[in-house]
Amino acid sequence: MASSSGASSGSTTMLRNSGSEDDLRQVMDLRKRKRMLSNRESARRSRVKKQKHLDDLTGQLGQLSKENNEILKRMNVTSQLYMNIEAENSILRAQMAELSHRLNSLNEIIEYVNFFSGTFERHEDAAAPTASAFGHQLGDDFFMNPWNNADFHLNQPIMDMIMY
């Protein structure tokens, strides 16, 4: 009996061992499946997160491109305004130079007139030389309104000077 009871106890242990191994395999398979599902879910979340980030970056790219285009347009307008102002400044500088030249010429005329007026007044008592004695045909109109004198070309357009 001892042998039969020993054999029976050995077979139950084997049955228990094989049952335990099956249970262990089932637990391991269950854990493996859970881990696989967890990994799949984590990968899915990672893909969703990556797609959301990509969408955000795409939106940001569109916004930055739009802002960049607006800045470029403003720069072009500002550059055009700058060029227009530079051209206007060049014209004004040329006009200023022409007007300064005219002013200097007028000042020379005034000095010339004053010189000869003084000369005529001083020599008036004694046979004063006339303007024609100096080789000039100066009328009273010349001294009163020099702008009407045909010898002076002060009415020349300033724009003609700028073009050259």
N, C-alpha and C. Protein backbone atom coordinates (compact mmCIF):
# COMPACT_ATOMS: atom_id res chain seq x y z
N MET A 1 0.78 -1.17 0.00
CA MET A 1 0.00 0.00 0.00
C MET A 1 0.81 1.22 0.00
N ALA A 2 1.89 1.01 0.56
CA ALA A 2 2.77 2.15 0.62
C ALA A 2 3.15 2.56 -0.76
N SER A 3 3.34 1.57 -1.60
CA SER A 3 3.76 1.93 -2.93
C SER A 3 2.63 2.56 -3.70
N SER A 4 1.42 2.05 -3.52
CA SER A 4 0.31 2.66 -4.23
C SER A 4 0.01 4.04 -3.71
N SER A 5 0.12 4.18 -2.41
CA SER A 5 -0.14 5.53 -1.91
C SER A 5 0.97 6.46 -2.31
N GLY A 6 2.18 5.96 -2.41
CA GLY A 6 3.29 6.83 -2.86
C GLY A 6 3.13 7.18 -4.30
N ALA A 7 2.66 6.24 -5.11
CA ALA A 7 2.46 6.50 -6.51
C ALA A 7 1.33 7.47 -6.69
N SER A 8 0.33 7.32 -5.92
CA SER A 8 -0.79 8.22 -6.06
C SER A 8 -0.42 9.60 -5.61
N SER A 9 0.35 9.73 -4.61
CA SER A 9 0.78 11.06 -4.19
C SER A 9 1.72 11.66 -5.20
N GLY A 10 2.53 10.86 -5.82
CA GLY A 10 3.44 11.40 -6.85
C GLY A 10 2.68 11.86 -8.06
N SER A 11 1.64 11.16 -8.44
CA SER A 11 0.88 11.58 -9.61
C SER A 11 0.07 12.81 -9.30
N THR A 12 -0.42 12.99 -8.12
CA THR A 12 -1.12 14.22 -7.76
C THR A 12 -0.18 15.40 -7.76
N THR A 13 1.01 15.13 -7.30
CA THR A 13 1.99 16.21 -7.32
C THR A 13 2.29 16.57 -8.76
N MET A 14 2.36 15.58 -9.60
CA MET A 14 2.62 15.85 -11.01
C MET A 14 1.45 16.59 -11.63
N LEU A 15 0.28 16.16 -11.22
CA LEU A 15 -0.89 16.84 -11.73
C LEU A 15 -0.92 18.27 -11.24
N ARG A 16 -0.57 18.40 -10.00
CA ARG A 16 -0.53 19.75 -9.46
C ARG A 16 0.56 20.56 -10.15
N ASN A 17 1.69 19.96 -10.37
CA ASN A 17 2.80 20.65 -11.03
C ASN A 17 2.40 21.02 -12.45
N SER A 18 1.80 20.11 -13.16
CA SER A 18 1.41 20.42 -14.53
C SER A 18 0.29 21.45 -14.51
N GLY A 19 -0.61 21.38 -13.52
CA GLY A 19 -1.65 22.39 -13.37
C GLY A 19 -1.05 23.73 -13.02
N SER A 20 -0.06 23.74 -12.20
CA SER A 20 0.62 24.97 -11.82
C SER A 20 1.34 25.56 -13.01
N GLU A 21 1.96 24.70 -13.80
CA GLU A 21 2.67 25.20 -14.99
C GLU A 21 1.68 25.80 -15.97
N ASP A 22 0.53 25.15 -16.12
CA ASP A 22 -0.50 25.70 -17.02
C ASP A 22 -1.01 27.03 -16.47
N ASP A 23 -1.25 27.02 -15.17
CA ASP A 23 -1.70 28.26 -14.55
C ASP A 23 -0.64 29.35 -14.71
N LEU A 24 0.61 28.96 -14.51
CA LEU A 24 1.71 29.92 -14.65
C LEU A 24 1.79 30.42 -16.08
N ARG A 25 1.62 29.51 -17.02
CA ARG A 25 1.64 29.91 -18.45
C ARG A 25 0.47 30.84 -18.75
N GLN A 26 -0.67 30.51 -18.22
CA GLN A 26 -1.84 31.35 -18.45
C GLN A 26 -1.62 32.75 -17.84
N VAL A 27 -1.07 32.79 -16.65
CA VAL A 27 -0.78 34.08 -15.99
C VAL A 27 0.25 34.83 -16.81
N MET A 28 1.28 34.13 -17.28
CA MET A 28 2.33 34.76 -18.10
C MET A 28 1.74 35.26 -19.41
N ASP A 29 0.88 34.43 -20.03
CA ASP A 29 0.25 34.84 -21.28
C ASP A 29 -0.65 36.05 -21.05
N LEU A 30 -1.37 36.02 -19.92
CA LEU A 30 -2.24 37.15 -19.60
C LEU A 30 -1.41 38.43 -19.39
N ARG A 31 -0.33 38.33 -18.66
CA ARG A 31 0.56 39.48 -18.45
C ARG A 31 1.15 39.95 -19.78
N LYS A 32 1.55 38.98 -20.60
CA LYS A 32 2.13 39.32 -21.91
C LYS A 32 1.10 40.06 -22.76
N ARG A 33 -0.14 39.58 -22.76
CA ARG A 33 -1.21 40.23 -23.53
C ARG A 33 -1.49 41.63 -22.99
N LYS A 34 -1.52 41.74 -21.65
CA LYS A 34 -1.74 43.05 -21.04
C LYS A 34 -0.62 44.02 -21.44
N ARG A 35 0.61 43.52 -21.37
CA ARG A 35 1.77 44.34 -21.73
C ARG A 35 1.68 44.75 -23.20
N MET A 36 1.32 43.81 -24.07
CA MET A 36 1.18 44.12 -25.50
C MET A 36 0.09 45.16 -25.72
N LEU A 37 -1.04 44.99 -25.03
CA LEU A 37 -2.12 45.98 -25.16
C LEU A 37 -1.68 47.34 -24.63
N SER A 38 -0.99 47.31 -23.51
CA SER A 38 -0.50 48.56 -22.94
C SER A 38 0.50 49.24 -23.89
N ASN A 39 1.39 48.42 -24.47
CA ASN A 39 2.36 48.98 -25.43
C ASN A 39 1.65 49.54 -26.67
N ARG A 40 0.64 48.81 -27.15
CA ARG A 40 -0.11 49.30 -28.32
C ARG A 40 -0.82 50.62 -28.00
N GLU A 41 -1.43 50.67 -26.81
CA GLU A 41 -2.12 51.91 -26.40
C GLU A 41 -1.12 53.06 -26.25
N SER A 42 0.02 52.77 -25.67
CA SER A 42 1.07 53.79 -25.52
C SER A 42 1.57 54.27 -26.89
N ALA A 43 1.76 53.33 -27.81
CA ALA A 43 2.20 53.69 -29.17
C ALA A 43 1.12 54.53 -29.87
N ARG A 44 -0.16 54.15 -29.67
CA ARG A 44 -1.26 54.91 -30.26
C ARG A 44 -1.28 56.34 -29.71
N ARG A 45 -1.14 56.47 -28.36
CA ARG A 45 -1.10 57.79 -27.74
C ARG A 45 0.09 58.60 -28.26
N SER A 46 1.21 57.91 -28.42
CA SER A 46 2.40 58.58 -28.94
C SER A 46 2.18 59.08 -30.37
N ARG A 47 1.53 58.25 -31.20
CA ARG A 47 1.23 58.66 -32.58
C ARG A 47 0.26 59.85 -32.60
N VAL A 48 -0.75 59.80 -31.73
CA VAL A 48 -1.73 60.90 -31.65
C VAL A 48 -1.03 62.18 -31.20
N LYS A 49 -0.19 62.05 -30.19
CA LYS A 49 0.55 63.21 -29.68
C LYS A 49 1.48 63.78 -30.76
N LYS A 50 2.15 62.88 -31.46
CA LYS A 50 3.05 63.30 -32.54
C LYS A 50 2.27 64.00 -33.65
N GLN A 51 1.10 63.46 -34.01
CA GLN A 51 0.26 64.07 -35.06
C GLN A 51 -0.24 65.45 -34.61
N LYS A 52 -0.64 65.55 -33.34
CA LYS A 52 -1.09 66.84 -32.81
C LYS A 52 0.05 67.86 -32.86
N HIS A 53 1.24 67.44 -32.47
CA HIS A 53 2.41 68.33 -32.52
C HIS A 53 2.70 68.76 -33.96
N LEU A 54 2.62 67.80 -34.88
CA LEU A 54 2.85 68.11 -36.30
C LEU A 54 1.80 69.10 -36.81
N ASP A 55 0.53 68.90 -36.42
CA ASP A 55 -0.53 69.83 -36.82
C ASP A 55 -0.29 71.22 -36.24
N ASP A 56 0.13 71.28 -34.98
CA ASP A 56 0.44 72.57 -34.34
C ASP A 56 1.58 73.27 -35.09
N LEU A 57 2.62 72.51 -35.42
CA LEU A 57 3.75 73.10 -36.14
C LEU A 57 3.34 73.57 -37.54
N THR A 58 2.47 72.81 -38.19
CA THR A 58 1.99 73.20 -39.52
C THR A 58 1.19 74.50 -39.42
N GLY A 59 0.33 74.60 -38.41
CA GLY A 59 -0.43 75.84 -38.18
C GLY A 59 0.48 77.00 -37.88
N GLN A 60 1.49 76.76 -37.06
CA GLN A 60 2.45 77.81 -36.72
C GLN A 60 3.23 78.24 -37.96
N LEU A 61 3.59 77.29 -38.82
CA LEU A 61 4.29 77.60 -40.06
C LEU A 61 3.43 78.50 -40.94
N GLY A 62 2.14 78.17 -41.05
CA GLY A 62 1.24 79.01 -41.85
C GLY A 62 1.14 80.41 -41.29
N GLN A 63 1.01 80.52 -39.97
CA GLN A 63 0.91 81.84 -39.33
C GLN A 63 2.19 82.64 -39.53
N LEU A 64 3.34 82.01 -39.33
CA LEU A 64 4.62 82.71 -39.49
C LEU A 64 4.86 83.11 -40.95
N SER A 65 4.43 82.27 -41.88
CA SER A 65 4.56 82.61 -43.30
C SER A 65 3.70 83.83 -43.62
N LYS A 66 2.50 83.86 -43.08
CA LYS A 66 1.61 85.00 -43.29
C LYS A 66 2.22 86.27 -42.72
N GLU A 67 2.73 86.20 -41.49
CA GLU A 67 3.38 87.36 -40.87
C GLU A 67 4.60 87.79 -41.67
N ASN A 68 5.36 86.82 -42.16
CA ASN A 68 6.56 87.13 -42.95
C ASN A 68 6.17 87.88 -44.23
N ASN A 69 5.10 87.43 -44.89
CA ASN A 69 4.64 88.11 -46.10
C ASN A 69 4.19 89.53 -45.80
N GLU A 70 3.49 89.73 -44.68
CA GLU A 70 3.06 91.07 -44.30
C GLU A 70 4.26 91.96 -44.03
N ILE A 71 5.27 91.43 -43.36
CA ILE A 71 6.48 92.21 -43.08
C ILE A 71 7.19 92.56 -44.38
N LEU A 72 7.26 91.62 -45.31
CA LEU A 72 7.89 91.90 -46.59
C LEU A 72 7.14 92.99 -47.35
N LYS A 73 5.81 92.94 -47.31
CA LYS A 73 5.02 93.97 -47.97
C LYS A 73 5.29 95.33 -47.35
N ARG A 74 5.32 95.38 -46.02
CA ARG A 74 5.59 96.66 -45.33
C ARG A 74 6.99 97.15 -45.65
N MET A 75 7.95 96.22 -45.72
CA MET A 75 9.33 96.62 -46.08
C MET A 75 9.37 97.19 -47.49
N ASN A 76 8.65 96.57 -48.42
CA ASN A 76 8.63 97.07 -49.80
C ASN A 76 8.00 98.45 -49.87
N VAL A 77 6.91 98.66 -49.14
CA VAL A 77 6.27 99.97 -49.12
C VAL A 77 7.21 101.00 -48.50
N THR A 78 7.85 100.62 -47.40
CA THR A 78 8.78 101.54 -46.72
C THR A 78 9.97 101.84 -47.63
N SER A 79 10.48 100.85 -48.32
CA SER A 79 11.60 101.07 -49.24
C SER A 79 11.19 102.01 -50.37
N GLN A 80 9.98 101.82 -50.88
CA GLN A 80 9.50 102.69 -51.95
C GLN A 80 9.36 104.12 -51.45
N LEU A 81 8.80 104.28 -50.25
CA LEU A 81 8.68 105.62 -49.66
C LEU A 81 10.06 106.24 -49.46
N TYR A 82 11.00 105.44 -48.99
CA TYR A 82 12.36 105.92 -48.79
C TYR A 82 12.98 106.40 -50.11
N MET A 83 12.79 105.61 -51.15
CA MET A 83 13.33 105.98 -52.47
C MET A 83 12.68 107.28 -52.96
N ASN A 84 11.37 107.42 -52.76
CA ASN A 84 10.68 108.64 -53.16
C ASN A 84 11.21 109.84 -52.39
N ILE A 85 11.40 109.67 -51.09
CA ILE A 85 11.91 110.78 -50.28
C ILE A 85 13.35 111.10 -50.67
N GLU A 86 14.15 110.10 -50.94
CA GLU A 86 15.53 110.35 -51.39
C GLU A 86 15.53 111.13 -52.70
N ALA A 87 14.66 110.77 -53.63
CA ALA A 87 14.57 111.49 -54.90
C ALA A 87 14.13 112.92 -54.66
N GLU A 88 13.14 113.10 -53.78
CA GLU A 88 12.68 114.45 -53.47
C GLU A 88 13.78 115.26 -52.80
N ASN A 89 14.53 114.62 -51.89
CA ASN A 89 15.66 115.32 -51.25
C ASN A 89 16.72 115.72 -52.27
N SER A 90 16.98 114.87 -53.25
CA SER A 90 17.96 115.21 -54.29
C SER A 90 17.48 116.43 -55.08
N ILE A 91 16.19 116.44 -55.40
CA ILE A 91 15.64 117.58 -56.12
C ILE A 91 15.74 118.85 -55.27
N LEU A 92 15.39 118.72 -54.00
CA LEU A 92 15.46 119.89 -53.11
C LEU A 92 16.90 120.37 -52.94
N ARG A 93 17.86 119.45 -52.87
CA ARG A 93 19.27 119.86 -52.77
C ARG A 93 19.71 120.60 -54.03
N ALA A 94 19.28 120.09 -55.19
CA ALA A 94 19.63 120.76 -56.45
C ALA A 94 18.97 122.13 -56.51
N GLN A 95 17.72 122.22 -56.07
CA GLN A 95 17.03 123.52 -56.06
C GLN A 95 17.73 124.48 -55.10
N MET A 96 18.13 123.96 -53.94
CA MET A 96 18.83 124.81 -52.97
C MET A 96 20.15 125.32 -53.56
N ALA A 97 20.88 124.45 -54.24
CA ALA A 97 22.14 124.86 -54.85
C ALA A 97 21.88 125.93 -55.92
N GLU A 98 20.84 125.74 -56.73
CA GLU A 98 20.49 126.71 -57.77
C GLU A 98 20.08 128.03 -57.14
N LEU A 99 19.25 127.97 -56.11
CA LEU A 99 18.81 129.20 -55.46
C LEU A 99 19.97 129.90 -54.76
N SER A 100 20.88 129.13 -54.18
CA SER A 100 22.07 129.73 -53.57
C SER A 100 22.92 130.42 -54.63
N HIS A 101 23.05 129.77 -55.77
CA HIS A 101 23.80 130.37 -56.87
C HIS A 101 23.12 131.66 -57.34
N ARG A 102 21.81 131.64 -57.47
CA ARG A 102 21.07 132.83 -57.86
C ARG A 102 21.23 133.94 -56.83
N LEU A 103 21.15 133.57 -55.55
CA LEU A 103 21.32 134.56 -54.49
C LEU A 103 22.69 135.19 -54.56
N ASN A 104 23.72 134.37 -54.77
CA ASN A 104 25.08 134.92 -54.90
C ASN A 104 25.16 135.85 -56.10
N SER A 105 24.53 135.45 -57.20
CA SER A 105 24.53 136.30 -58.39
C SER A 105 23.82 137.62 -58.11
N LEU A 106 22.69 137.54 -57.43
CA LEU A 106 21.96 138.77 -57.10
C LEU A 106 22.76 139.65 -56.16
N ASN A 107 23.44 139.04 -55.21
CA ASN A 107 24.30 139.83 -54.32
C ASN A 107 25.43 140.50 -55.09
N GLU A 108 26.00 139.81 -56.06
CA GLU A 108 27.04 140.41 -56.90
C GLU A 108 26.48 141.57 -57.71
N ILE A 109 25.24 141.40 -58.21
CA ILE A 109 24.59 142.48 -58.97
C ILE A 109 24.38 143.68 -58.07
N ILE A 110 23.92 143.42 -56.84
CA ILE A 110 23.70 144.52 -55.90
C ILE A 110 25.02 145.23 -55.60
N GLU A 111 26.09 144.47 -55.38
CA GLU A 111 27.40 145.08 -55.15
C GLU A 111 27.83 145.89 -56.37
N TYR A 112 27.60 145.35 -57.55
CA TYR A 112 27.95 146.02 -58.80
C TYR A 112 27.16 147.33 -58.93
N VAL A 113 25.85 147.23 -58.66
CA VAL A 113 25.00 148.41 -58.75
C VAL A 113 25.42 149.45 -57.72
N ASN A 114 25.67 148.98 -56.51
CA ASN A 114 26.10 149.91 -55.46
C ASN A 114 27.44 150.55 -55.80
N PHE A 115 28.34 149.78 -56.37
CA PHE A 115 29.64 150.32 -56.75
C PHE A 115 29.48 151.42 -57.80
N PHE A 116 28.70 151.10 -58.85
CA PHE A 116 28.53 152.09 -59.91
C PHE A 116 27.63 153.24 -59.47
N SER A 117 26.68 153.00 -58.57
CA SER A 117 25.86 154.10 -58.05
C SER A 117 26.75 155.06 -57.29
N GLY A 118 27.62 154.54 -56.49
CA GLY A 118 28.56 155.38 -55.75
C GLY A 118 29.49 156.10 -56.69
N THR A 119 29.93 155.44 -57.74
CA THR A 119 30.83 156.05 -58.71
C THR A 119 30.11 157.17 -59.45
N PHE A 120 28.86 156.93 -59.83
CA PHE A 120 28.10 157.95 -60.55
C PHE A 120 27.83 159.15 -59.65
N GLU A 121 27.52 158.91 -58.39
CA GLU A 121 27.23 160.00 -57.48
C GLU A 121 28.48 160.83 -57.23
N ARG A 122 29.61 160.19 -57.05
CA ARG A 122 30.84 160.91 -56.76
C ARG A 122 31.28 161.76 -57.95
N HIS A 123 31.10 161.25 -59.13
CA HIS A 123 31.58 161.95 -60.32
C HIS A 123 30.51 162.84 -60.95
N GLU A 124 29.35 162.93 -60.33
CA GLU A 124 28.26 163.70 -60.89
C GLU A 124 28.62 165.18 -60.95
N ASP A 125 29.34 165.66 -59.97
CA ASP A 125 29.69 167.07 -59.93
C ASP A 125 30.62 167.42 -61.08
N ALA A 126 31.59 166.62 -61.27
CA ALA A 126 32.54 166.90 -62.34
C ALA A 126 32.28 165.93 -63.45
N ALA A 127 31.97 166.32 -64.56
CA ALA A 127 31.74 165.51 -65.75
C ALA A 127 31.71 164.04 -65.43
N ALA A 128 30.66 163.59 -64.82
CA ALA A 128 30.53 162.20 -64.39
C ALA A 128 30.42 161.30 -65.60
N PRO A 129 31.15 160.18 -65.55
CA PRO A 129 31.02 159.24 -66.66
C PRO A 129 29.65 158.59 -66.62
N THR A 130 29.12 158.30 -67.73
CA THR A 130 27.82 157.65 -67.82
C THR A 130 28.03 156.14 -67.88
N ALA A 131 26.94 155.47 -67.79
CA ALA A 131 27.03 154.01 -67.85
C ALA A 131 27.55 153.58 -69.20
N SER A 132 27.24 154.34 -70.25
CA SER A 132 27.72 153.96 -71.57
C SER A 132 29.21 154.14 -71.68
N ALA A 133 29.79 155.01 -70.84
CA ALA A 133 31.23 155.19 -70.85
C ALA A 133 31.93 153.94 -70.39
N PHE A 134 31.26 153.13 -69.62
CA PHE A 134 31.85 151.87 -69.15
C PHE A 134 31.54 150.73 -70.08
N GLY A 135 30.92 151.01 -71.20
CA GLY A 135 30.60 149.95 -72.15
C GLY A 135 29.29 149.27 -71.83
N HIS A 136 28.47 149.85 -70.98
CA HIS A 136 27.19 149.26 -70.61
C HIS A 136 26.08 150.20 -71.01
N GLN A 137 25.01 149.62 -71.45
CA GLN A 137 23.79 150.38 -71.73
C GLN A 137 22.82 150.08 -70.60
N LEU A 138 22.95 150.78 -69.50
CA LEU A 138 22.10 150.53 -68.34
C LEU A 138 21.04 151.61 -68.28
N GLY A 139 19.80 151.19 -68.34
CA GLY A 139 18.71 152.14 -68.24
C GLY A 139 18.22 152.21 -66.81
N ASP A 140 17.32 153.16 -66.56
CA ASP A 140 16.75 153.28 -65.22
C ASP A 140 15.98 152.02 -64.85
N ASP A 141 15.40 151.38 -65.84
CA ASP A 141 14.62 150.17 -65.59
C ASP A 141 15.49 149.03 -65.07
N PHE A 142 16.76 149.02 -65.49
CA PHE A 142 17.68 147.96 -65.05
C PHE A 142 17.84 147.98 -63.55
N PHE A 143 18.04 149.17 -63.00
CA PHE A 143 18.29 149.27 -61.57
C PHE A 143 17.01 149.13 -60.75
N MET A 144 15.89 149.49 -61.32
CA MET A 144 14.63 149.43 -60.58
C MET A 144 14.06 148.00 -60.56
N ASN A 145 14.20 147.28 -61.67
CA ASN A 145 13.63 145.93 -61.75
C ASN A 145 14.56 145.03 -62.57
N PRO A 146 15.61 144.52 -61.95
CA PRO A 146 16.58 143.73 -62.70
C PRO A 146 15.99 142.42 -63.22
N TRP A 147 14.86 141.96 -62.67
CA TRP A 147 14.28 140.70 -63.10
C TRP A 147 13.75 140.76 -64.53
N ASN A 148 13.41 141.94 -65.00
CA ASN A 148 12.86 142.08 -66.34
C ASN A 148 13.94 142.21 -67.41
N ASN A 149 15.18 142.30 -67.01
CA ASN A 149 16.28 142.47 -67.95
C ASN A 149 16.47 141.18 -68.75
N ALA A 150 16.52 141.29 -70.04
CA ALA A 150 16.65 140.13 -70.92
C ALA A 150 18.03 139.50 -70.82
N ASP A 151 19.05 140.24 -70.33
CA ASP A 151 20.40 139.70 -70.23
C ASP A 151 20.53 138.66 -69.12
N PHE A 152 19.63 138.69 -68.20
CA PHE A 152 19.71 137.75 -67.09
C PHE A 152 18.81 136.55 -67.38
N HIS A 153 19.34 135.40 -67.15
CA HIS A 153 18.60 134.17 -67.42
C HIS A 153 18.22 133.51 -66.10
N LEU A 154 17.67 134.30 -65.23
CA LEU A 154 17.32 133.78 -63.91
C LEU A 154 16.01 133.01 -63.92
N ASN A 155 15.27 133.11 -65.00
CA ASN A 155 13.99 132.40 -65.07
C ASN A 155 14.15 131.01 -65.67
N GLN A 156 15.38 130.56 -65.77
CA GLN A 156 15.62 129.22 -66.31
C GLN A 156 15.04 128.19 -65.34
N PRO A 157 14.27 127.23 -65.83
CA PRO A 157 13.67 126.24 -64.93
C PRO A 157 14.73 125.44 -64.19
N ILE A 158 14.47 125.21 -62.94
CA ILE A 158 15.40 124.44 -62.12
C ILE A 158 15.44 123.00 -62.58
N MET A 159 14.35 122.46 -63.03
CA MET A 159 14.30 121.06 -63.44
C MET A 159 15.25 120.79 -64.60
N ASP A 160 15.50 121.81 -65.46
CA ASP A 160 16.45 121.61 -66.55
C ASP A 160 17.83 121.35 -65.99
N MET A 161 18.13 121.98 -64.87
CA MET A 161 19.46 121.80 -64.27
C MET A 161 19.57 120.39 -63.65
N ILE A 162 18.50 119.86 -63.14
CA ILE A 162 18.52 118.56 -62.46
C ILE A 162 18.70 117.43 -63.49
N MET A 163 18.14 117.60 -64.63
CA MET A 163 18.17 116.53 -65.63
C MET A 163 19.59 116.26 -66.13
N TYR A 164 20.48 117.19 -66.00
CA TYR A 164 21.83 117.00 -66.51
C TYR A 164 22.74 116.69 -65.42
